[in-house]
PDB file of all heavy atoms in Angstrom:
ATOM      1  N   ARG A   1     137.379  55.689 184.194  1.00  0.00           N
ATOM      2  CA  ARG A   1     136.506  56.757 184.781  1.00  0.00           C
ATOM      3  C   ARG A   1     137.293  58.081 184.373  1.00  0.00           C
ATOM      4  O   ARG A   1     138.428  58.290 184.545  1.00  0.00           O
ATOM      5  CB  ARG A   1     136.351  56.682 186.219  1.00  0.00           C
ATOM      6  CG  ARG A   1     135.502  57.751 186.748  1.00  0.00           C
ATOM      7  CD  ARG A   1     135.100  57.680 188.170  1.00  0.00           C
ATOM      8  NE  ARG A   1     134.249  58.686 188.507  1.00  0.00           N
ATOM      9  CZ  ARG A   1     133.649  58.752 189.713  1.00  0.00           C
ATOM     10  NH1 ARG A   1     133.849  57.863 190.631  1.00  0.00           N
ATOM     11  NH2 ARG A   1     132.696  59.753 189.901  1.00  0.00           N
ATOM     12  N   ILE A   2     136.377  59.021 183.819  1.00  0.00           N
ATOM     13  CA  ILE A   2     136.885  60.418 183.620  1.00  0.00           C
ATOM     14  C   ILE A   2     135.742  61.383 184.168  1.00  0.00           C
ATOM     15  O   ILE A   2     134.822  61.500 183.610  1.00  0.00           O
ATOM     16  CB  ILE A   2     137.073  60.718 182.056  1.00  0.00           C
ATOM     17  CG1 ILE A   2     137.942  59.615 181.450  1.00  0.00           C
ATOM     18  CG2 ILE A   2     137.647  61.982 181.996  1.00  0.00           C
ATOM     19  CD1 ILE A   2     137.122  58.702 180.647  1.00  0.00           C
ATOM     20  N   GLY A   3     136.015  61.754 185.387  1.00  0.00           N
ATOM     21  CA  GLY A   3     134.979  62.513 186.031  1.00  0.00           C
ATOM     22  C   GLY A   3     133.685  61.825 186.249  1.00  0.00           C
ATOM     23  O   GLY A   3     133.704  60.711 186.887  1.00  0.00           O
ATOM     24  N   ASP A   4     132.658  62.307 185.724  1.00  0.00           N
ATOM     25  CA  ASP A   4     131.292  61.598 185.908  1.00  0.00           C
ATOM     26  C   ASP A   4     130.976  60.583 184.723  1.00  0.00           C
ATOM     27  O   ASP A   4     129.814  60.180 184.519  1.00  0.00           O
ATOM     28  CB  ASP A   4     130.133  62.709 185.942  1.00  0.00           C
ATOM     29  CG  ASP A   4     129.981  63.265 187.270  1.00  0.00           C
ATOM     30  OD1 ASP A   4     130.511  62.704 188.238  1.00  0.00           O
ATOM     31  OD2 ASP A   4     129.394  64.354 187.362  1.00  0.00           O
ATOM     32  N   PHE A   5     132.056  60.345 183.934  1.00  0.00           N
ATOM     33  CA  PHE A   5     131.860  59.349 182.811  1.00  0.00           C
ATOM     34  C   PHE A   5     132.687  58.140 182.948  1.00  0.00           C
ATOM     35  O   PHE A   5     133.823  58.178 183.454  1.00  0.00           O
ATOM     36  CB  PHE A   5     132.203  60.035 181.508  1.00  0.00           C
ATOM     37  CG  PHE A   5     131.296  61.172 181.113  1.00  0.00           C
ATOM     38  CD1 PHE A   5     131.481  62.494 181.567  1.00  0.00           C
ATOM     39  CD2 PHE A   5     130.170  61.014 180.309  1.00  0.00           C
ATOM     40  CE1 PHE A   5     130.618  63.566 181.167  1.00  0.00           C
ATOM     41  CE2 PHE A   5     129.318  62.042 179.924  1.00  0.00           C
ATOM     42  CZ  PHE A   5     129.527  63.179 180.515  1.00  0.00           C
ATOM     43  N   TYR A   6     132.078  57.053 182.578  1.00  0.00           N
ATOM     44  CA  TYR A   6     132.918  55.765 182.494  1.00  0.00           C
ATOM     45  C   TYR A   6     132.899  55.329 181.043  1.00  0.00           C
ATOM     46  O   TYR A   6     131.829  55.366 180.363  1.00  0.00           O
ATOM     47  CB  TYR A   6     132.243  54.731 183.320  1.00  0.00           C
ATOM     48  CG  TYR A   6     132.369  54.991 184.888  1.00  0.00           C
ATOM     49  CD1 TYR A   6     131.491  55.893 185.527  1.00  0.00           C
ATOM     50  CD2 TYR A   6     133.101  54.304 185.639  1.00  0.00           C
ATOM     51  CE1 TYR A   6     131.561  56.146 186.902  1.00  0.00           C
ATOM     52  CE2 TYR A   6     133.204  54.422 187.012  1.00  0.00           C
ATOM     53  CZ  TYR A   6     132.438  55.371 187.662  1.00  0.00           C
ATOM     54  OH  TYR A   6     132.510  55.666 188.984  1.00  0.00           O
ATOM     55  N   VAL A   7     134.060  54.834 180.579  1.00  0.00           N
ATOM     56  CA  VAL A   7     134.161  54.299 179.217  1.00  0.00           C
ATOM     57  C   VAL A   7     134.648  52.975 179.365  1.00  0.00           C
ATOM     58  O   VAL A   7     135.818  52.674 180.001  1.00  0.00           O
ATOM     59  CB  VAL A   7     135.196  55.162 178.368  1.00  0.00           C
ATOM     60  CG1 VAL A   7     135.413  54.653 177.073  1.00  0.00           C
ATOM     61  CG2 VAL A   7     134.659  56.719 178.245  1.00  0.00           C
ATOM     62  N   THR A   8     133.889  51.962 178.918  1.00  0.00           N
ATOM     63  CA  THR A   8     134.115  50.579 179.243  1.00  0.00           C
ATOM     64  C   THR A   8     133.939  49.597 178.071  1.00  0.00           C
ATOM     65  O   THR A   8     133.375  49.916 177.171  1.00  0.00           O
ATOM     66  CB  THR A   8     133.395  50.034 180.455  1.00  0.00           C
ATOM     67  OG1 THR A   8     132.018  49.726 180.121  1.00  0.00           O
ATOM     68  CG2 THR A   8     133.356  51.062 181.694  1.00  0.00           C
ATOM     69  N   ALA A   9     134.481  48.348 178.356  1.00  0.00           N
ATOM     70  CA  ALA A   9     134.002  47.275 177.535  1.00  0.00           C
ATOM     71  C   ALA A   9     132.663  46.789 178.040  1.00  0.00           C
ATOM     72  O   ALA A   9     132.055  47.511 178.950  1.00  0.00           O
ATOM     73  CB  ALA A   9     134.937  46.049 177.826  1.00  0.00           C
ATOM     74  N   GLN A  10     132.059  45.765 177.493  1.00  0.00           N
ATOM     75  CA  GLN A  10     130.852  45.235 177.881  1.00  0.00           C
ATOM     76  C   GLN A  10     130.806  44.878 179.281  1.00  0.00           C
ATOM     77  O   GLN A  10     131.601  43.945 179.772  1.00  0.00           O
ATOM     78  CB  GLN A  10     130.437  43.963 177.047  1.00  0.00           C
ATOM     79  CG  GLN A  10     129.072  43.251 177.432  1.00  0.00           C
ATOM     80  CD  GLN A  10     127.984  44.019 177.115  1.00  0.00           C
ATOM     81  OE1 GLN A  10     127.754  44.474 175.877  1.00  0.00           O
ATOM     82  NE2 GLN A  10     126.961  44.342 177.994  1.00  0.00           N
ATOM     83  N   PRO A  11     129.955  45.554 180.216  1.00  0.00           N
ATOM     84  CA  PRO A  11     129.835  45.024 181.560  1.00  0.00           C
ATOM     85  C   PRO A  11     129.379  43.615 181.674  1.00  0.00           C
ATOM     86  O   PRO A  11     128.451  43.138 180.851  1.00  0.00           O
ATOM     87  CB  PRO A  11     128.793  45.991 182.103  1.00  0.00           C
ATOM     88  CG  PRO A  11     128.865  47.177 181.218  1.00  0.00           C
ATOM     89  CD  PRO A  11     129.116  46.615 179.790  1.00  0.00           C
ATOM     90  N   THR A  12     129.735  42.957 182.666  1.00  0.00           N
ATOM     91  CA  THR A  12     129.251  41.549 182.923  1.00  0.00           C
ATOM     92  C   THR A  12     127.857  41.649 183.518  1.00  0.00           C
ATOM     93  O   THR A  12     127.485  42.663 184.109  1.00  0.00           O
ATOM     94  CB  THR A  12     130.244  40.796 183.760  1.00  0.00           C
ATOM     95  OG1 THR A  12     130.225  41.469 185.065  1.00  0.00           O
ATOM     96  CG2 THR A  12     131.437  40.569 183.213  1.00  0.00           C
ATOM     97  N   ASP A  13     127.084  40.620 183.256  1.00  0.00           N
ATOM     98  CA  ASP A  13     125.773  40.718 183.794  1.00  0.00           C
ATOM     99  C   ASP A  13     125.428  39.401 184.502  1.00  0.00           C
ATOM    100  O   ASP A  13     125.730  38.285 184.036  1.00  0.00           O
ATOM    101  CB  ASP A  13     124.657  40.826 182.603  1.00  0.00           C
ATOM    102  CG  ASP A  13     123.193  40.942 183.061  1.00  0.00           C
ATOM    103  OD1 ASP A  13     123.039  41.259 184.234  1.00  0.00           O
ATOM    104  OD2 ASP A  13     122.323  40.441 182.250  1.00  0.00           O
ATOM    105  N   PRO A  14     124.846  39.472 185.801  1.00  0.00           N
ATOM    106  CA  PRO A  14     124.538  40.701 186.446  1.00  0.00           C
ATOM    107  C   PRO A  14     125.546  41.378 187.333  1.00  0.00           C
ATOM    108  O   PRO A  14     125.411  42.535 187.725  1.00  0.00           O
ATOM    109  CB  PRO A  14     123.391  40.160 187.317  1.00  0.00           C
ATOM    110  CG  PRO A  14     123.760  38.803 187.767  1.00  0.00           C
ATOM    111  CD  PRO A  14     124.575  38.268 186.529  1.00  0.00           C
ATOM    112  N   GLU A  15     126.651  40.612 187.506  1.00  0.00           N
ATOM    113  CA  GLU A  15     127.635  41.135 188.497  1.00  0.00           C
ATOM    114  C   GLU A  15     128.142  42.646 188.156  1.00  0.00           C
ATOM    115  O   GLU A  15     128.103  43.397 188.968  1.00  0.00           O
ATOM    116  CB  GLU A  15     128.828  40.246 188.653  1.00  0.00           C
ATOM    117  CG  GLU A  15     128.481  38.820 189.250  1.00  0.00           C
ATOM    118  CD  GLU A  15     127.899  37.938 188.162  1.00  0.00           C
ATOM    119  OE1 GLU A  15     128.073  38.221 186.942  1.00  0.00           O
ATOM    120  OE2 GLU A  15     127.321  36.894 188.574  1.00  0.00           O
ATOM    121  N   GLY A  16     128.618  42.790 186.913  1.00  0.00           N
ATOM    122  CA  GLY A  16     129.169  44.057 186.580  1.00  0.00           C
ATOM    123  C   GLY A  16     128.189  45.187 186.559  1.00  0.00           C
ATOM    124  O   GLY A  16     128.474  46.328 186.958  1.00  0.00           O
ATOM    125  N   LEU A  17     126.869  44.868 186.197  1.00  0.00           N
ATOM    126  CA  LEU A  17     125.897  45.955 186.238  1.00  0.00           C
ATOM    127  C   LEU A  17     125.501  46.253 187.682  1.00  0.00           C
ATOM    128  O   LEU A  17     125.242  47.421 187.986  1.00  0.00           O
ATOM    129  CB  LEU A  17     124.666  45.449 185.512  1.00  0.00           C
ATOM    130  CG  LEU A  17     124.907  45.203 183.916  1.00  0.00           C
ATOM    131  CD1 LEU A  17     123.595  44.673 183.303  1.00  0.00           C
ATOM    132  CD2 LEU A  17     125.355  46.419 183.217  1.00  0.00           C
ATOM    133  N   ASN A  18     125.517  45.236 188.515  1.00  0.00           N
ATOM    134  CA  ASN A  18     125.288  45.470 189.950  1.00  0.00           C
ATOM    135  C   ASN A  18     126.438  46.410 190.477  1.00  0.00           C
ATOM    136  O   ASN A  18     126.150  47.259 191.291  1.00  0.00           O
ATOM    137  CB  ASN A  18     125.259  44.113 190.842  1.00  0.00           C
ATOM    138  CG  ASN A  18     123.968  43.429 190.525  1.00  0.00           C
ATOM    139  OD1 ASN A  18     122.864  44.013 190.143  1.00  0.00           O
ATOM    140  ND2 ASN A  18     124.116  42.119 190.725  1.00  0.00           N
ATOM    141  N   VAL A  19     127.680  46.088 190.102  1.00  0.00           N
ATOM    142  CA  VAL A  19     128.792  46.925 190.590  1.00  0.00           C
ATOM    143  C   VAL A  19     128.627  48.390 190.074  1.00  0.00           C
ATOM    144  O   VAL A  19     128.839  49.355 190.808  1.00  0.00           O
ATOM    145  CB  VAL A  19     130.188  46.341 190.152  1.00  0.00           C
ATOM    146  CG1 VAL A  19     131.323  47.258 190.389  1.00  0.00           C
ATOM    147  CG2 VAL A  19     130.353  45.023 190.894  1.00  0.00           C
ATOM    148  N   ALA A  20     128.312  48.529 188.721  1.00  0.00           N
ATOM    149  CA  ALA A  20     128.069  49.856 188.187  1.00  0.00           C
ATOM    150  C   ALA A  20     127.046  50.622 189.031  1.00  0.00           C
ATOM    151  O   ALA A  20     127.129  51.775 189.358  1.00  0.00           O
ATOM    152  CB  ALA A  20     127.632  49.740 186.760  1.00  0.00           C
ATOM    153  N   HIS A  21     125.959  49.930 189.346  1.00  0.00           N
ATOM    154  CA  HIS A  21     124.887  50.462 190.099  1.00  0.00           C
ATOM    155  C   HIS A  21     125.540  50.835 191.553  1.00  0.00           C
ATOM    156  O   HIS A  21     125.234  52.048 191.932  1.00  0.00           O
ATOM    157  CB  HIS A  21     123.708  49.539 190.334  1.00  0.00           C
ATOM    158  CG  HIS A  21     122.631  50.081 191.134  1.00  0.00           C
ATOM    159  ND1 HIS A  21     122.360  49.713 192.496  1.00  0.00           N
ATOM    160  CD2 HIS A  21     121.610  51.010 190.828  1.00  0.00           C
ATOM    161  CE1 HIS A  21     121.316  50.444 192.907  1.00  0.00           C
ATOM    162  NE2 HIS A  21     120.816  51.104 191.942  1.00  0.00           N
ATOM    163  N   GLY A  22     126.232  50.107 192.106  1.00  0.00           N
ATOM    164  CA  GLY A  22     126.852  50.373 193.389  1.00  0.00           C
ATOM    165  C   GLY A  22     127.869  51.468 193.387  1.00  0.00           C
ATOM    166  O   GLY A  22     128.028  52.238 194.347  1.00  0.00           O
ATOM    167  N   LEU A  23     128.413  51.772 192.184  1.00  0.00           N
ATOM    168  CA  LEU A  23     129.246  52.975 191.946  1.00  0.00           C
ATOM    169  C   LEU A  23     128.499  54.279 191.834  1.00  0.00           C
ATOM    170  O   LEU A  23     129.133  55.362 191.772  1.00  0.00           O
ATOM    171  CB  LEU A  23     130.277  52.781 190.849  1.00  0.00           C
ATOM    172  CG  LEU A  23     131.236  51.600 190.973  1.00  0.00           C
ATOM    173  CD1 LEU A  23     131.981  51.463 189.651  1.00  0.00           C
ATOM    174  CD2 LEU A  23     132.298  52.125 191.962  1.00  0.00           C
ATOM    175  N   GLY A  24     127.250  54.140 191.850  1.00  0.00           N
ATOM    176  CA  GLY A  24     126.382  55.336 191.709  1.00  0.00           C
ATOM    177  C   GLY A  24     126.045  55.675 190.204  1.00  0.00           C
ATOM    178  O   GLY A  24     125.545  56.791 189.979  1.00  0.00           O
ATOM    179  N   ILE A  25     126.472  54.869 189.255  1.00  0.00           N
ATOM    180  CA  ILE A  25     126.143  55.223 187.904  1.00  0.00           C
ATOM    181  C   ILE A  25     124.678  55.157 187.652  1.00  0.00           C
ATOM    182  O   ILE A  25     123.926  54.291 188.033  1.00  0.00           O
ATOM    183  CB  ILE A  25     126.868  54.088 187.006  1.00  0.00           C
ATOM    184  CG1 ILE A  25     128.378  54.302 187.152  1.00  0.00           C
ATOM    185  CG2 ILE A  25     126.457  54.280 185.508  1.00  0.00           C
ATOM    186  CD1 ILE A  25     129.242  53.187 186.424  1.00  0.00           C
ATOM    187  N   LYS A  26     124.165  56.190 187.042  1.00  0.00           N
ATOM    188  CA  LYS A  26     122.703  56.400 186.859  1.00  0.00           C
ATOM    189  C   LYS A  26     122.196  56.090 185.498  1.00  0.00           C
ATOM    190  O   LYS A  26     121.013  55.868 185.215  1.00  0.00           O
ATOM    191  CB  LYS A  26     122.359  57.833 187.268  1.00  0.00           C
ATOM    192  CG  LYS A  26     122.563  58.061 188.647  1.00  0.00           C
ATOM    193  CD  LYS A  26     122.256  59.486 188.995  1.00  0.00           C
ATOM    194  CE  LYS A  26     122.523  59.828 190.475  1.00  0.00           C
ATOM    195  NZ  LYS A  26     122.259  61.280 190.732  1.00  0.00           N
ATOM    196  N   SER A  27     123.190  56.105 184.413  1.00  0.00           N
ATOM    197  CA  SER A  27     122.836  55.912 183.185  1.00  0.00           C
ATOM    198  C   SER A  27     123.850  55.001 182.296  1.00  0.00           C
ATOM    199  O   SER A  27     125.014  55.199 182.715  1.00  0.00           O
ATOM    200  CB  SER A  27     122.640  57.247 182.351  1.00  0.00           C
ATOM    201  OG  SER A  27     121.791  58.125 183.109  1.00  0.00           O
ATOM    202  N   VAL A  28     123.384  54.230 181.379  1.00  0.00           N
ATOM    203  CA  VAL A  28     124.231  53.468 180.461  1.00  0.00           C
ATOM    204  C   VAL A  28     123.891  53.739 179.103  1.00  0.00           C
ATOM    205  O   VAL A  28     122.702  53.707 178.632  1.00  0.00           O
ATOM    206  CB  VAL A  28     124.134  52.039 180.811  1.00  0.00           C
ATOM    207  CG1 VAL A  28     124.966  51.146 179.868  1.00  0.00           C
ATOM    208  CG2 VAL A  28     124.578  51.787 182.311  1.00  0.00           C
ATOM    209  N   ILE A  29     124.912  53.931 178.194  1.00  0.00           N
ATOM    210  CA  ILE A  29     124.768  54.089 176.753  1.00  0.00           C
ATOM    211  C   ILE A  29     125.464  52.843 176.170  1.00  0.00           C
ATOM    212  O   ILE A  29     126.666  52.761 176.403  1.00  0.00           O
ATOM    213  CB  ILE A  29     125.335  55.319 176.259  1.00  0.00           C
ATOM    214  CG1 ILE A  29     124.547  56.623 176.742  1.00  0.00           C
ATOM    215  CG2 ILE A  29     125.169  55.352 174.617  1.00  0.00           C
ATOM    216  CD1 ILE A  29     125.027  57.771 176.342  1.00  0.00           C
ATOM    217  N   CYS A  30     124.787  52.036 175.458  1.00  0.00           N
ATOM    218  CA  CYS A  30     125.524  50.886 174.730  1.00  0.00           C
ATOM    219  C   CYS A  30     125.638  51.239 173.356  1.00  0.00           C
ATOM    220  O   CYS A  30     124.678  51.681 172.750  1.00  0.00           O
ATOM    221  CB  CYS A  30     124.471  49.693 174.957  1.00  0.00           C
ATOM    222  SG  CYS A  30     125.048  48.263 173.962  1.00  0.00           S
ATOM    223  N   LEU A  31     126.872  51.016 172.776  1.00  0.00           N
ATOM    224  CA  LEU A  31     127.090  51.385 171.425  1.00  0.00           C
ATOM    225  C   LEU A  31     127.143  50.052 170.594  1.00  0.00           C
ATOM    226  O   LEU A  31     127.636  50.189 169.356  1.00  0.00           O
ATOM    227  CB  LEU A  31     128.480  52.066 171.370  1.00  0.00           C
ATOM    228  CG  LEU A  31     128.509  53.318 172.290  1.00  0.00           C
ATOM    229  CD1 LEU A  31     129.855  53.982 172.217  1.00  0.00           C
ATOM    230  CD2 LEU A  31     127.518  54.431 171.787  1.00  0.00           C
ATOM    231  N   ARG A  32     126.705  49.044 171.050  1.00  0.00           N
ATOM    232  CA  ARG A  32     126.819  47.726 170.313  1.00  0.00           C
ATOM    233  C   ARG A  32     125.444  47.452 169.465  1.00  0.00           C
ATOM    234  O   ARG A  32     124.510  47.901 169.830  1.00  0.00           O
ATOM    235  CB  ARG A  32     126.944  46.673 171.360  1.00  0.00           C
ATOM    236  CG  ARG A  32     128.307  46.825 172.072  1.00  0.00           C
ATOM    237  CD  ARG A  32     128.506  45.683 172.997  1.00  0.00           C
ATOM    238  NE  ARG A  32     129.007  44.572 172.092  1.00  0.00           N
ATOM    239  CZ  ARG A  32     129.225  43.292 172.476  1.00  0.00           C
ATOM    240  NH1 ARG A  32     128.928  43.017 173.759  1.00  0.00           N
ATOM    241  NH2 ARG A  32     129.559  42.421 171.629  1.00  0.00           N
ATOM    242  N   ASP A  33     125.735  46.739 168.360  1.00  0.00           N
ATOM    243  CA  ASP A  33     124.721  46.263 167.572  1.00  0.00           C
ATOM    244  C   ASP A  33     124.251  44.947 168.096  1.00  0.00           C
ATOM    245  O   ASP A  33     124.962  44.069 168.591  1.00  0.00           O
ATOM    246  CB  ASP A  33     125.360  45.933 166.181  1.00  0.00           C
ATOM    247  CG  ASP A  33     124.411  45.603 165.073  1.00  0.00           C
ATOM    248  OD1 ASP A  33     123.379  44.847 165.399  1.00  0.00           O
ATOM    249  OD2 ASP A  33     124.522  46.014 164.021  1.00  0.00           O
ATOM    250  N   ALA A  34     122.899  44.711 168.145  1.00  0.00           N
ATOM    251  CA  ALA A  34     122.381  43.519 168.701  1.00  0.00           C
ATOM    252  C   ALA A  34     122.807  42.263 168.057  1.00  0.00           C
ATOM    253  O   ALA A  34     122.651  41.145 168.687  1.00  0.00           O
ATOM    254  CB  ALA A  34     120.733  43.663 168.656  1.00  0.00           C
ATOM    255  N   THR A  35     123.285  42.271 166.889  1.00  0.00           N
ATOM    256  CA  THR A  35     123.787  41.004 166.212  1.00  0.00           C
ATOM    257  C   THR A  35     125.154  40.629 166.556  1.00  0.00           C
ATOM    258  O   THR A  35     125.737  39.642 166.132  1.00  0.00           O
ATOM    259  CB  THR A  35     123.665  41.231 164.639  1.00  0.00           C
ATOM    260  OG1 THR A  35     124.544  42.280 164.294  1.00  0.00           O
ATOM    261  CG2 THR A  35     122.324  41.543 164.262  1.00  0.00           C
ATOM    262  N   GLU A  36     125.862  41.370 167.467  1.00  0.00           N
ATOM    263  CA  GLU A  36     127.251  41.091 167.680  1.00  0.00           C
ATOM    264  C   GLU A  36     127.321  39.915 168.545  1.00  0.00           C
ATOM    265  O   GLU A  36     126.692  39.697 169.584  1.00  0.00           O
ATOM    266  CB  GLU A  36     127.835  42.248 168.514  1.00  0.00           C
ATOM    267  CG  GLU A  36     128.212  43.573 167.692  1.00  0.00           C
ATOM    268  CD  GLU A  36     128.816  44.630 168.382  1.00  0.00           C
ATOM    269  OE1 GLU A  36     129.700  44.340 169.322  1.00  0.00           O
ATOM    270  OE2 GLU A  36     128.427  45.786 168.267  1.00  0.00           O
ATOM    271  N   GLN A  37     128.208  38.942 168.052  1.00  0.00           N
ATOM    272  CA  GLN A  37     128.503  37.695 168.838  1.00  0.00           C
ATOM    273  C   GLN A  37     129.640  37.918 169.676  1.00  0.00           C
ATOM    274  O   GLN A  37     130.455  38.876 169.535  1.00  0.00           O
ATOM    275  CB  GLN A  37     128.705  36.618 167.733  1.00  0.00           C
ATOM    276  CG  GLN A  37     127.600  36.402 166.735  1.00  0.00           C
ATOM    277  CD  GLN A  37     126.417  35.879 167.536  1.00  0.00           C
ATOM    278  OE1 GLN A  37     126.379  34.927 168.206  1.00  0.00           O
ATOM    279  NE2 GLN A  37     125.206  36.598 167.102  1.00  0.00           N
ATOM    280  N   ALA A  38     129.899  36.867 170.540  1.00  0.00           N
ATOM    281  CA  ALA A  38     131.084  36.905 171.398  1.00  0.00           C
ATOM    282  C   ALA A  38     132.316  36.636 170.517  1.00  0.00           C
ATOM    283  O   ALA A  38     132.347  35.741 169.673  1.00  0.00           O
ATOM    284  CB  ALA A  38     131.028  35.778 172.502  1.00  0.00           C
ATOM    285  N   ILE A  39     133.363  37.488 170.695  1.00  0.00           N
ATOM    286  CA  ILE A  39     134.674  37.219 169.966  1.00  0.00           C
ATOM    287  C   ILE A  39     135.726  37.380 171.169  1.00  0.00           C
ATOM    288  O   ILE A  39     136.152  38.279 171.594  1.00  0.00           O
ATOM    289  CB  ILE A  39     134.966  38.303 168.945  1.00  0.00           C
ATOM    290  CG1 ILE A  39     133.924  38.312 167.841  1.00  0.00           C
ATOM    291  CG2 ILE A  39     136.321  38.089 168.444  1.00  0.00           C
ATOM    292  CD1 ILE A  39     134.018  39.398 166.889  1.00  0.00           C
ATOM    293  N   PRO A  40     135.948  36.172 171.823  1.00  0.00           N
ATOM    294  CA  PRO A  40     136.814  36.135 173.015  1.00  0.00           C
ATOM    295  C   PRO A  40     138.086  37.064 172.783  1.00  0.00           C
ATOM    296  O   PRO A  40     138.647  36.976 171.738  1.00  0.00           O
ATOM    297  CB  PRO A  40     137.121  34.682 173.159  1.00  0.00           C
ATOM    298  CG  PRO A  40     135.908  33.918 172.613  1.00  0.00           C
ATOM    299  CD  PRO A  40     135.547  34.804 171.385  1.00  0.00           C
ATOM    300  N   PRO A  41     138.449  37.707 173.883  1.00  0.00           N
ATOM    301  CA  PRO A  41     137.887  37.730 175.148  1.00  0.00           C
ATOM    302  C   PRO A  41     136.649  38.610 175.355  1.00  0.00           C
ATOM    303  O   PRO A  41     136.149  38.682 176.524  1.00  0.00           O
ATOM    304  CB  PRO A  41     139.046  38.322 176.084  1.00  0.00           C
ATOM    305  CG  PRO A  41     139.657  39.282 175.231  1.00  0.00           C
ATOM    306  CD  PRO A  41     139.576  38.758 173.711  1.00  0.00           C
ATOM    307  N   TYR A  42     136.010  39.037 174.356  1.00  0.00           N
ATOM    308  CA  TYR A  42     134.914  39.980 174.508  1.00  0.00           C
ATOM    309  C   TYR A  42     133.579  39.171 174.488  1.00  0.00           C
ATOM    310  O   TYR A  42     133.381  38.214 173.797  1.00  0.00           O
ATOM    311  CB  TYR A  42     134.842  41.094 173.471  1.00  0.00           C
ATOM    312  CG  TYR A  42     136.242  41.786 173.403  1.00  0.00           C
ATOM    313  CD1 TYR A  42     137.114  41.803 172.317  1.00  0.00           C
ATOM    314  CD2 TYR A  42     136.689  42.650 174.491  1.00  0.00           C
ATOM    315  CE1 TYR A  42     138.352  42.299 172.271  1.00  0.00           C
ATOM    316  CE2 TYR A  42     137.832  43.167 174.429  1.00  0.00           C
ATOM    317  CZ  TYR A  42     138.758  43.083 173.413  1.00  0.00           C
ATOM    318  OH  TYR A  42     139.962  43.712 173.436  1.00  0.00           O
ATOM    319  N   LEU A  43     132.619  39.693 175.303  1.00  0.00           N
ATOM    320  CA  LEU A  43     131.380  39.033 175.314  1.00  0.00           C
ATOM    321  C   LEU A  43     130.428  39.333 174.298  1.00  0.00           C
ATOM    322  O   LEU A  43     130.649  40.454 173.598  1.00  0.00           O
ATOM    323  CB  LEU A  43     130.701  39.572 176.739  1.00  0.00           C
ATOM    324  CG  LEU A  43     131.450  39.263 178.071  1.00  0.00           C
ATOM    325  CD1 LEU A  43     130.894  40.050 179.210  1.00  0.00           C
ATOM    326  CD2 LEU A  43     131.618  37.876 178.382  1.00  0.00           C
ATOM    327  N   ALA A  44     129.456  38.572 174.113  1.00  0.00           N
ATOM    328  CA  ALA A  44     128.393  38.844 173.066  1.00  0.00           C
ATOM    329  C   ALA A  44     127.523  40.017 173.487  1.00  0.00           C
ATOM    330  O   ALA A  44     127.532  40.355 174.731  1.00  0.00           O
ATOM    331  CB  ALA A  44     127.515  37.585 172.841  1.00  0.00           C
TER     332      ALA A  44
END
């Protein structure tokens, strides 16, 4: 977190997105390409 911005890896769904909502986050920008596969430890 940097002020009103969060910079993260892929949030988990639904738990991580629920947590983000609970933190008061109002907007999400995804920088991923829809064709990206999982490359452990990173999620698809």
